[in-house]
PDB file of N, CA and C in Angstrom:
ATOM      1  N   UNK A   1     121.745  69.654  91.552  1.00  0.00           N
ATOM      2  CA  UNK A   1     120.826  68.628  91.184  1.00  0.00           C
ATOM      3  C   UNK A   1     120.316  68.901  89.774  1.00  0.00           C
ATOM      4  N   UNK A   2     120.511  67.984  88.887  1.00  0.00           N
ATOM      5  CA  UNK A   2     120.078  68.153  87.504  1.00  0.00           C
ATOM      6  C   UNK A   2     118.879  67.254  87.266  1.00  0.00           C
ATOM      7  N   UNK A   3     117.981  67.704  86.401  1.00  0.00           N
ATOM      8  CA  UNK A   3     116.770  66.954  86.100  1.00  0.00           C
ATOM      9  C   UNK A   3     117.042  65.566  85.535  1.00  0.00           C
ATOM     10  N   UNK A   4     116.012  64.756  85.489  1.00  0.00           N
ATOM     11  CA  UNK A   4     116.134  63.386  84.991  1.00  0.00           C
ATOM     12  C   UNK A   4     116.295  63.366  83.481  1.00  0.00           C
ATOM     13  N   UNK A   5     116.897  62.296  82.972  1.00  0.00           N
ATOM     14  CA  UNK A   5     117.134  62.182  81.529  1.00  0.00           C
ATOM     15  C   UNK A   5     115.843  62.066  80.735  1.00  0.00           C
ATOM     16  N   UNK A   6     114.828  61.432  81.300  1.00  0.00           N
ATOM     17  CA  UNK A   6     113.578  61.253  80.566  1.00  0.00           C
ATOM     18  C   UNK A   6     112.581  62.382  80.817  1.00  0.00           C
ATOM     19  N   UNK A   7     113.046  63.463  81.393  1.00  0.00           N
ATOM     20  CA  UNK A   7     112.189  64.620  81.662  1.00  0.00           C
ATOM     21  C   UNK A   7     112.020  65.450  80.388  1.00  0.00           C
ATOM     22  N   UNK A   8     110.994  66.304  80.367  1.00  0.00           N
ATOM     23  CA  UNK A   8     110.762  67.193  79.232  1.00  0.00           C
ATOM     24  C   UNK A   8     111.940  68.162  79.078  1.00  0.00           C
ATOM     25  N   UNK A   9     112.431  68.675  80.179  1.00  0.00           N
ATOM     26  CA  UNK A   9     113.558  69.605  80.184  1.00  0.00           C
ATOM     27  C   UNK A   9     114.696  69.009  81.016  1.00  0.00           C
ATOM     28  N   UNK A  10     115.460  68.054  80.464  1.00  0.00           N
ATOM     29  CA  UNK A  10     116.421  67.298  81.269  1.00  0.00           C
ATOM     30  C   UNK A  10     117.606  68.106  81.790  1.00  0.00           C
ATOM     31  N   UNK A  11     117.940  69.236  81.183  1.00  0.00           N
ATOM     32  CA  UNK A  11     119.113  69.995  81.623  1.00  0.00           C
ATOM     33  C   UNK A  11     118.809  71.011  82.721  1.00  0.00           C
ATOM     34  N   UNK A  12     117.537  71.206  83.003  1.00  0.00           N
ATOM     35  CA  UNK A  12     117.181  72.127  84.074  1.00  0.00           C
ATOM     36  C   UNK A  12     117.333  71.443  85.421  1.00  0.00           C
ATOM     37  N   UNK A  13     117.728  72.185  86.449  1.00  0.00           N
ATOM     38  CA  UNK A  13     117.784  71.592  87.781  1.00  0.00           C
ATOM     39  C   UNK A  13     116.393  71.141  88.214  1.00  0.00           C
ATOM     40  N   UNK A  14     116.338  70.125  89.037  1.00  0.00           N
ATOM     41  CA  UNK A  14     115.034  69.573  89.432  1.00  0.00           C
ATOM     42  C   UNK A  14     114.249  70.530  90.324  1.00  0.00           C
ATOM     43  N   UNK A  15     114.906  71.508  90.932  1.00  0.00           N
ATOM     44  CA  UNK A  15     114.177  72.470  91.761  1.00  0.00           C
ATOM     45  C   UNK A  15     113.814  73.740  91.001  1.00  0.00           C
ATOM     46  N   UNK A  16     114.020  73.785  89.717  1.00  0.00           N
ATOM     47  CA  UNK A  16     113.737  74.965  88.899  1.00  0.00           C
ATOM     48  C   UNK A  16     112.285  75.432  89.002  1.00  0.00           C
ATOM     49  N   UNK A  17     111.280  74.537  88.937  1.00  0.00           N
ATOM     50  CA  UNK A  17     109.895  75.022  89.041  1.00  0.00           C
ATOM     51  C   UNK A  17     109.607  75.714  90.363  1.00  0.00           C
ATOM     52  N   UNK A  18     110.318  75.347  91.409  1.00  0.00           N
ATOM     53  CA  UNK A  18     110.075  75.960  92.701  1.00  0.00           C
ATOM     54  C   UNK A  18     110.842  77.260  92.867  1.00  0.00           C
ATOM     55  N   UNK A  19     112.044  77.320  92.313  1.00  0.00           N
ATOM     56  CA  UNK A  19     112.872  78.521  92.468  1.00  0.00           C
ATOM     57  C   UNK A  19     112.313  79.701  91.685  1.00  0.00           C
ATOM     58  N   UNK A  20     111.745  79.447  90.510  1.00  0.00           N
ATOM     59  CA  UNK A  20     111.241  80.535  89.668  1.00  0.00           C
ATOM     60  C   UNK A  20     109.760  80.386  89.361  1.00  0.00           C
ATOM     61  N   UNK A  21     109.084  79.663  90.183  1.00  0.00           N
ATOM     62  CA  UNK A  21     107.669  79.417  89.941  1.00  0.00           C
ATOM     63  C   UNK A  21     106.785  80.150  90.915  1.00  0.00           C
ATOM     64  N   UNK A  22     105.759  79.483  91.378  1.00  0.00           N
ATOM     65  CA  UNK A  22     104.745  80.141  92.198  1.00  0.00           C
ATOM     66  C   UNK A  22     105.222  80.623  93.556  1.00  0.00           C
ATOM     67  N   UNK A  23     106.325  80.069  94.081  1.00  0.00           N
ATOM     68  CA  UNK A  23     106.795  80.508  95.392  1.00  0.00           C
ATOM     69  C   UNK A  23     107.269  81.951  95.371  1.00  0.00           C
ATOM     70  N   UNK A  24     107.672  82.458  94.241  1.00  0.00           N
ATOM     71  CA  UNK A  24     108.119  83.846  94.162  1.00  0.00           C
ATOM     72  C   UNK A  24     106.978  84.758  93.713  1.00  0.00           C
ATOM     73  N   UNK A  25     106.315  84.387  92.650  1.00  0.00           N
ATOM     74  CA  UNK A  25     105.398  85.315  91.999  1.00  0.00           C
ATOM     75  C   UNK A  25     104.009  85.380  92.627  1.00  0.00           C
ATOM     76  N   UNK A  26     103.451  84.268  93.031  1.00  0.00           N
ATOM     77  CA  UNK A  26     102.087  84.306  93.570  1.00  0.00           C
ATOM     78  C   UNK A  26     101.956  85.133  94.846  1.00  0.00           C
ATOM     79  N   UNK A  27     102.803  84.936  95.855  1.00  0.00           N
ATOM     80  CA  UNK A  27     102.635  85.770  97.060  1.00  0.00           C
ATOM     81  C   UNK A  27     102.826  87.260  96.789  1.00  0.00           C
ATOM     82  N   UNK A  28     103.765  87.611  95.917  1.00  0.00           N
ATOM     83  CA  UNK A  28     103.980  89.028  95.611  1.00  0.00           C
ATOM     84  C   UNK A  28     102.778  89.601  94.871  1.00  0.00           C
ATOM     85  N   UNK A  29     102.271  88.858  93.919  1.00  0.00           N
ATOM     86  CA  UNK A  29     101.105  89.297  93.158  1.00  0.00           C
ATOM     87  C   UNK A  29      99.886  89.431  94.072  1.00  0.00           C
ATOM     88  N   UNK A  30      99.681  88.426  94.926  1.00  0.00           N
ATOM     89  CA  UNK A  30      98.560  88.489  95.868  1.00  0.00           C
ATOM     90  C   UNK A  30      98.725  89.639  96.859  1.00  0.00           C
ATOM     91  N   UNK A  31      99.954  89.864  97.272  1.00  0.00           N
ATOM     92  CA  UNK A  31     100.205  90.948  98.222  1.00  0.00           C
ATOM     93  C   UNK A  31      99.787  92.290  97.636  1.00  0.00           C
ATOM     94  N   UNK A  32     100.056  92.471  96.372  1.00  0.00           N
ATOM     95  CA  UNK A  32      99.688  93.727  95.713  1.00  0.00           C
ATOM     96  C   UNK A  32      98.173  93.957  95.763  1.00  0.00           C
ATOM     97  N   UNK A  33      97.395  92.914  95.551  1.00  0.00           N
ATOM     98  CA  UNK A  33      95.943  93.058  95.477  1.00  0.00           C
ATOM     99  C   UNK A  33      95.237  92.943  96.823  1.00  0.00           C
ATOM    100  N   UNK A  34      95.949  92.505  97.859  1.00  0.00           N
ATOM    101  CA  UNK A  34      95.324  92.367  99.174  1.00  0.00           C
ATOM    102  C   UNK A  34      96.029  93.203 100.226  1.00  0.00           C
ATOM    103  N   UNK A  35      96.726  94.239  99.810  1.00  0.00           N
ATOM    104  CA  UNK A  35      97.508  95.075 100.713  1.00  0.00           C
ATOM    105  C   UNK A  35      96.657  95.580 101.876  1.00  0.00           C
ATOM    106  N   UNK A  36      97.133  95.307 103.077  1.00  0.00           N
ATOM    107  CA  UNK A  36      96.426  95.754 104.274  1.00  0.00           C
ATOM    108  C   UNK A  36      95.319  94.829 104.745  1.00  0.00           C
ATOM    109  N   UNK A  37      95.064  93.773 104.028  1.00  0.00           N
ATOM    110  CA  UNK A  37      94.008  92.810 104.407  1.00  0.00           C
ATOM    111  C   UNK A  37      94.640  91.434 104.557  1.00  0.00           C
ATOM    112  N   UNK A  38      95.281  91.224 105.716  1.00  0.00           N
ATOM    113  CA  UNK A  38      96.050  90.007 105.944  1.00  0.00           C
ATOM    114  C   UNK A  38      95.211  88.743 105.780  1.00  0.00           C
ATOM    115  N   UNK A  39      93.999  88.732 106.323  1.00  0.00           N
ATOM    116  CA  UNK A  39      93.204  87.497 106.287  1.00  0.00           C
ATOM    117  C   UNK A  39      92.801  87.134 104.864  1.00  0.00           C
ATOM    118  N   UNK A  40      92.543  88.110 104.027  1.00  0.00           N
ATOM    119  CA  UNK A  40      92.270  87.840 102.623  1.00  0.00           C
ATOM    120  C   UNK A  40      93.522  87.297 101.934  1.00  0.00           C
ATOM    121  N   UNK A  41      94.673  87.907 102.235  1.00  0.00           N
ATOM    122  CA  UNK A  41      95.958  87.443 101.698  1.00  0.00           C
ATOM    123  C   UNK A  41      96.217  85.995 102.103  1.00  0.00           C
ATOM    124  N   UNK A  42      96.008  85.687 103.383  1.00  0.00           N
ATOM    125  CA  UNK A  42      96.248  84.331 103.882  1.00  0.00           C
ATOM    126  C   UNK A  42      95.281  83.339 103.245  1.00  0.00           C
ATOM    127  N   UNK A  43      94.006  83.695 103.148  1.00  0.00           N
ATOM    128  CA  UNK A  43      93.016  82.792 102.540  1.00  0.00           C
ATOM    129  C   UNK A  43      93.349  82.520 101.068  1.00  0.00           C
ATOM    130  N   UNK A  44      93.739  83.543 100.337  1.00  0.00           N
ATOM    131  CA  UNK A  44      94.107  83.361  98.935  1.00  0.00           C
ATOM    132  C   UNK A  44      95.345  82.482  98.805  1.00  0.00           C
ATOM    133  N   UNK A  45      96.327  82.676  99.675  1.00  0.00           N
ATOM    134  CA  UNK A  45      97.535  81.846  99.634  1.00  0.00           C
ATOM    135  C   UNK A  45      97.236  80.400 100.010  1.00  0.00           C
ATOM    136  N   UNK A  46      96.350  80.195 100.949  1.00  0.00           N
ATOM    137  CA  UNK A  46      95.968  78.822 101.308  1.00  0.00           C
ATOM    138  C   UNK A  46      95.283  78.151 100.121  1.00  0.00           C
ATOM    139  N   UNK A  47      94.352  78.857  99.487  1.00  0.00           N
ATOM    140  CA  UNK A  47      93.665  78.288  98.319  1.00  0.00           C
ATOM    141  C   UNK A  47      94.619  77.960  97.188  1.00  0.00           C
ATOM    142  N   UNK A  48      95.502  78.891  96.874  1.00  0.00           N
ATOM    143  CA  UNK A  48      96.457  78.644  95.800  1.00  0.00           C
ATOM    144  C   UNK A  48      97.494  77.594  96.193  1.00  0.00           C
ATOM    145  N   UNK A  49      97.848  77.543  97.469  1.00  0.00           N
ATOM    146  CA  UNK A  49      98.776  76.508  97.936  1.00  0.00           C
ATOM    147  C   UNK A  49      98.195  75.115  97.777  1.00  0.00           C
ATOM    148  N   UNK A  50      96.901  74.974  98.065  1.00  0.00           N
ATOM    149  CA  UNK A  50      96.235  73.673  97.886  1.00  0.00           C
ATOM    150  C   UNK A  50      96.204  73.295  96.412  1.00  0.00           C
ATOM    151  N   UNK A  51      95.872  74.258  95.557  1.00  0.00           N
ATOM    152  CA  UNK A  51      95.826  73.988  94.115  1.00  0.00           C
ATOM    153  C   UNK A  51      97.206  73.587  93.599  1.00  0.00           C
ATOM    154  N   UNK A  52      98.248  74.285  94.048  1.00  0.00           N
ATOM    155  CA  UNK A  52      99.598  73.962  93.583  1.00  0.00           C
ATOM    156  C   UNK A  52     100.070  72.616  94.125  1.00  0.00           C
ATOM    157  N   UNK A  53      99.822  72.353  95.397  1.00  0.00           N
ATOM    158  CA  UNK A  53     100.344  71.136  96.020  1.00  0.00           C
ATOM    159  C   UNK A  53      99.641  69.871  95.541  1.00  0.00           C
ATOM    160  N   UNK A  54      98.384  69.970  95.199  1.00  0.00           N
ATOM    161  CA  UNK A  54      97.666  68.740  94.853  1.00  0.00           C
ATOM    162  C   UNK A  54      97.392  68.609  93.348  1.00  0.00           C
ATOM    163  N   UNK A  55      96.444  69.317  92.757  1.00  0.00           N
ATOM    164  CA  UNK A  55      96.189  69.037  91.335  1.00  0.00           C
ATOM    165  C   UNK A  55      97.332  69.426  90.410  1.00  0.00           C
ATOM    166  N   UNK A  56      97.992  70.561  90.635  1.00  0.00           N
ATOM    167  CA  UNK A  56      99.063  70.965  89.723  1.00  0.00           C
ATOM    168  C   UNK A  56     100.288  70.067  89.847  1.00  0.00           C
ATOM    169  N   UNK A  57     100.648  69.692  91.070  1.00  0.00           N
ATOM    170  CA  UNK A  57     101.787  68.793  91.238  1.00  0.00           C
ATOM    171  C   UNK A  57     101.495  67.438  90.622  1.00  0.00           C
ATOM    172  N   UNK A  58     100.280  66.947  90.770  1.00  0.00           N
ATOM    173  CA  UNK A  58      99.901  65.676  90.129  1.00  0.00           C
ATOM    174  C   UNK A  58     100.001  65.792  88.615  1.00  0.00           C
ATOM    175  N   UNK A  59      99.512  66.894  88.060  1.00  0.00           N
ATOM    176  CA  UNK A  59      99.607  67.113  86.617  1.00  0.00           C
ATOM    177  C   UNK A  59     101.061  67.167  86.157  1.00  0.00           C
ATOM    178  N   UNK A  60     101.902  67.916  86.883  1.00  0.00           N
ATOM    179  CA  UNK A  60     103.306  68.043  86.503  1.00  0.00           C
ATOM    180  C   UNK A  60     104.033  66.705  86.598  1.00  0.00           C
ATOM    181  N   UNK A  61     103.653  65.879  87.567  1.00  0.00           N
ATOM    182  CA  UNK A  61     104.253  64.549  87.655  1.00  0.00           C
ATOM    183  C   UNK A  61     103.829  63.674  86.479  1.00  0.00           C
ATOM    184  N   UNK A  62     102.575  63.758  86.088  1.00  0.00           N
ATOM    185  CA  UNK A  62     102.099  62.974  84.933  1.00  0.00           C
ATOM    186  C   UNK A  62     102.732  63.446  83.630  1.00  0.00           C
ATOM    187  N   UNK A  63     103.010  64.763  83.526  1.00  0.00           N
ATOM    188  CA  UNK A  63     103.681  65.302  82.339  1.00  0.00           C
ATOM    189  C   UNK A  63     105.190  65.109  82.406  1.00  0.00           C
ATOM    190  N   UNK A  64     105.652  64.500  83.479  1.00  0.00           N
ATOM    191  CA  UNK A  64     107.064  64.198  83.679  1.00  0.00           C
ATOM    192  C   UNK A  64     107.925  65.463  83.751  1.00  0.00           C
ATOM    193  N   UNK A  65     107.376  66.527  84.322  1.00  0.00           N
ATOM    194  CA  UNK A  65     108.133  67.756  84.510  1.00  0.00           C
ATOM    195  C   UNK A  65     108.971  67.657  85.776  1.00  0.00           C
ATOM    196  N   UNK A  66     108.383  67.160  86.846  1.00  0.00           N
ATOM    197  CA  UNK A  66     109.136  66.868  88.065  1.00  0.00           C
ATOM    198  C   UNK A  66     108.376  65.827  88.868  1.00  0.00           C
ATOM    199  N   UNK A  67     109.075  65.225  89.824  1.00  0.00           N
ATOM    200  CA  UNK A  67     108.488  64.263  90.750  1.00  0.00           C
ATOM    201  C   UNK A  67     108.821  64.695  92.168  1.00  0.00           C
ATOM    202  N   UNK A  68     107.876  64.522  93.045  1.00  0.00           N
ATOM    203  CA  UNK A  68     108.095  64.812  94.458  1.00  0.00           C
ATOM    204  C   UNK A  68     108.760  63.583  95.075  1.00  0.00           C
ATOM    205  N   UNK A  69     110.013  63.738  95.516  1.00  0.00           N
ATOM    206  CA  UNK A  69     110.732  62.606  96.099  1.00  0.00           C
ATOM    207  C   UNK A  69     110.927  62.755  97.600  1.00  0.00           C
ATOM    208  N   UNK A  70     111.428  63.899  98.016  1.00  0.00           N
ATOM    209  CA  UNK A  70     111.794  64.080  99.422  1.00  0.00           C
ATOM    210  C   UNK A  70     110.811  64.947 100.193  1.00  0.00           C
ATOM    211  N   UNK A  71     109.715  65.295  99.565  1.00  0.00           N
ATOM    212  CA  UNK A  71     108.742  66.166 100.209  1.00  0.00           C
ATOM    213  C   UNK A  71     107.340  65.668  99.867  1.00  0.00           C
ATOM    214  N   UNK A  72     106.499  65.623 100.874  1.00  0.00           N
ATOM    215  CA  UNK A  72     105.113  65.234 100.626  1.00  0.00           C
ATOM    216  C   UNK A  72     104.330  66.453 100.153  1.00  0.00           C
ATOM    217  N   UNK A  73     103.144  66.219  99.680  1.00  0.00           N
ATOM    218  CA  UNK A  73     102.320  67.327  99.208  1.00  0.00           C
ATOM    219  C   UNK A  73     101.888  68.241 100.356  1.00  0.00           C
ATOM    220  N   UNK A  74     101.641  67.665 101.522  1.00  0.00           N
ATOM    221  CA  UNK A  74     101.270  68.504 102.664  1.00  0.00           C
ATOM    222  C   UNK A  74     102.455  69.372 103.081  1.00  0.00           C
ATOM    223  N   UNK A  75     103.673  68.847 102.991  1.00  0.00           N
ATOM    224  CA  UNK A  75     104.855  69.646 103.298  1.00  0.00           C
ATOM    225  C   UNK A  75     105.013  70.779 102.279  1.00  0.00           C
ATOM    226  N   UNK A  76     104.744  70.486 101.020  1.00  0.00           N
ATOM    227  CA  UNK A  76     104.802  71.514  99.983  1.00  0.00           C
ATOM    228  C   UNK A  76     103.779  72.611 100.259  1.00  0.00           C
ATOM    229  N   UNK A  77     102.581  72.211 100.635  1.00  0.00           N
ATOM    230  CA  UNK A  77     101.527  73.174 100.972  1.00  0.00           C
ATOM    231  C   UNK A  77     101.935  74.030 102.168  1.00  0.00           C
ATOM    232  N   UNK A  78     102.424  73.403 103.225  1.00  0.00           N
ATOM    233  CA  UNK A  78     102.823  74.144 104.424  1.00  0.00           C
ATOM    234  C   UNK A  78     103.998  75.084 104.139  1.00  0.00           C
ATOM    235  N   UNK A  79     104.917  74.643 103.296  1.00  0.00           N
ATOM    236  CA  UNK A  79     106.036  75.502 102.909  1.00  0.00           C
ATOM    237  C   UNK A  79     105.537  76.723 102.146  1.00  0.00           C
ATOM    238  N   UNK A  80     104.598  76.514 101.255  1.00  0.00           N
ATOM    239  CA  UNK A  80     104.039  77.609 100.470  1.00  0.00           C
ATOM    240  C   UNK A  80     103.348  78.631 101.362  1.00  0.00           C
ATOM    241  N   UNK A  81     102.513  78.170 102.258  1.00  0.00           N
ATOM    242  CA  UNK A  81     101.763  79.083 103.133  1.00  0.00           C
ATOM    243  C   UNK A  81     102.696  79.779 104.121  1.00  0.00           C
ATOM    244  N   UNK A  82     103.622  79.026 104.718  1.00  0.00           N
ATOM    245  CA  UNK A  82     104.521  79.647 105.692  1.00  0.00           C
ATOM    246  C   UNK A  82     105.439  80.670 105.036  1.00  0.00           C
ATOM    247  N   UNK A  83     105.915  80.388 103.830  1.00  0.00           N
ATOM    248  CA  UNK A  83     106.769  81.371 103.158  1.00  0.00           C
ATOM    249  C   UNK A  83     105.986  82.632 102.804  1.00  0.00           C
ATOM    250  N   UNK A  84     104.728  82.491 102.468  1.00  0.00           N
ATOM    251  CA  UNK A  84     103.933  83.680 102.157  1.00  0.00           C
ATOM    252  C   UNK A  84     103.663  84.508 103.416  1.00  0.00           C
ATOM    253  N   UNK A  85     103.485  83.869 104.565  1.00  0.00           N
ATOM    254  CA  UNK A  85     103.301  84.608 105.816  1.00  0.00           C
ATOM    255  C   UNK A  85     104.596  85.333 106.192  1.00  0.00           C
ATOM    256  N   UNK A  86     105.730  84.659 106.014  1.00  0.00           N
ATOM    257  CA  UNK A  86     107.021  85.293 106.295  1.00  0.00           C
ATOM    258  C   UNK A  86     107.221  86.497 105.382  1.00  0.00           C
ATOM    259  N   UNK A  87     106.855  86.360 104.117  1.00  0.00           N
ATOM    260  CA  UNK A  87     106.960  87.477 103.173  1.00  0.00           C
ATOM    261  C   UNK A  87     106.088  88.648 103.614  1.00  0.00           C
ATOM    262  N   UNK A  88     104.885  88.384 104.081  1.00  0.00           N
ATOM    263  CA  UNK A  88     103.985  89.432 104.541  1.00  0.00           C
ATOM    264  C   UNK A  88     104.574  90.155 105.764  1.00  0.00           C
ATOM    265  N   UNK A  89     105.080  89.382 106.722  1.00  0.00           N
ATOM    266  CA  UNK A  89     105.674  89.981 107.920  1.00  0.00           C
ATOM    267  C   UNK A  89     106.920  90.800 107.575  1.00  0.00           C
ATOM    268  N   UNK A  90     107.704  90.311 106.648  1.00  0.00           N
ATOM    269  CA  UNK A  90     108.884  91.044 106.205  1.00  0.00           C
ATOM    270  C   UNK A  90     108.485  92.368 105.553  1.00  0.00           C
ATOM    271  N   UNK A  91     107.431  92.351 104.760  1.00  0.00           N
ATOM    272  CA  UNK A  91     106.952  93.574 104.128  1.00  0.00           C
ATOM    273  C   UNK A  91     106.480  94.582 105.180  1.00  0.00           C
ATOM    274  N   UNK A  92     105.781  94.106 106.201  1.00  0.00           N
ATOM    275  CA  UNK A  92     105.353  95.004 107.278  1.00  0.00           C
ATOM    276  C   UNK A  92     106.557  95.619 107.985  1.00  0.00           C
ATOM    277  N   UNK A  93     107.571  94.803 108.222  1.00  0.00           N
ATOM    278  CA  UNK A  93     108.794  95.294 108.851  1.00  0.00           C
ATOM    279  C   UNK A  93     109.438  96.371 107.982  1.00  0.00           C
ATOM    280  N   UNK A  94     109.532  96.116 106.680  1.00  0.00           N
ATOM    281  CA  UNK A  94     110.146  97.093 105.778  1.00  0.00           C
ATOM    282  C   UNK A  94     109.359  98.391 105.723  1.00  0.00           C
ATOM    283  N   UNK A  95     108.045  98.284 105.682  1.00  0.00           N
ATOM    284  CA  UNK A  95     107.221  99.491 105.650  1.00  0.00           C
ATOM    285  C   UNK A  95     107.462 100.341 106.891  1.00  0.00           C
ATOM    286  N   UNK A  96     107.567  99.702 108.042  1.00  0.00           N
ATOM    287  CA  UNK A  96     107.794 100.433 109.283  1.00  0.00           C
ATOM    288  C   UNK A  96     109.217 100.996 109.332  1.00  0.00           C
ATOM    289  N   UNK A  97     110.186 100.216 108.904  1.00  0.00           N
ATOM    290  CA  UNK A  97     111.586 100.646 108.971  1.00  0.00           C
ATOM    291  C   UNK A  97     111.895 101.754 107.970  1.00  0.00           C
ATOM    292  N   UNK A  98     111.195 101.806 106.870  1.00  0.00           N
ATOM    293  CA  UNK A  98     111.493 102.782 105.822  1.00  0.00           C
ATOM    294  C   UNK A  98     110.556 103.990 105.829  1.00  0.00           C
ATOM    295  N   UNK A  99     109.769 104.130 106.868  1.00  0.00           N
ATOM    296  CA  UNK A  99     108.908 105.309 106.971  1.00  0.00           C
ATOM    297  C   UNK A  99     109.773 106.552 107.096  1.00  0.00           C
ATOM    298  N   UNK A 100     109.407 107.590 106.391  1.00  0.00           N
ATOM    299  CA  UNK A 100     110.197 108.822 106.526  1.00  0.00           C
ATOM    300  C   UNK A 100     110.017 109.418 107.919  1.00  0.00           C
ATOM    301  N   UNK A 101     111.093 109.889 108.447  1.00  0.00           N
ATOM    302  CA  UNK A 101     111.061 110.507 109.763  1.00  0.00           C
ATOM    303  C   UNK A 101     110.758 111.989 109.571  1.00  0.00           C
ATOM    304  N   UNK A 102     109.755 112.470 110.277  1.00  0.00           N
ATOM    305  CA  UNK A 102     109.404 113.892 110.185  1.00  0.00           C
ATOM    306  C   UNK A 102     110.024 114.633 111.352  1.00  0.00           C
ATOM    307  N   UNK A 103     110.603 115.750 111.064  1.00  0.00           N
ATOM    308  CA  UNK A 103     111.209 116.590 112.102  1.00  0.00           C
ATOM    309  C   UNK A 103     110.162 117.577 112.619  1.00  0.00           C
ATOM    310  N   UNK A 104     109.859 117.439 113.899  1.00  0.00           N
ATOM    311  CA  UNK A 104     108.919 118.372 114.507  1.00  0.00           C
ATOM    312  C   UNK A 104     109.736 119.468 115.208  1.00  0.00           C
ATOM    313  N   UNK A 105     109.499 120.680 114.819  1.00  0.00           N
ATOM    314  CA  UNK A 105     110.256 121.781 115.419  1.00  0.00           C
ATOM    315  C   UNK A 105     109.388 122.696 116.195  1.00  0.00           C
TER     316      UNK A 105
END
């Protein structure tokens, strides 16, 4: 999928802001600062998900960077929050799986 001709960046794929944007960096950054405090992590992701799905998406549409065609803003918000929860659970799994095994003799 290639961006629209009248877009600011017409040669970029239309999903570029999502592939290399807040879906990757915000949850990882938040995870670093809220390590071990799931409810704080979830609350921060919900707040940032609302900001991204509503005012920022509206701004990006007005600047003609991208348009939401096949996804509503609530779906974008739910995708953002659910992916951040999956990332958190995956991190917990990795921490448990990669714990060093101690030999008791």
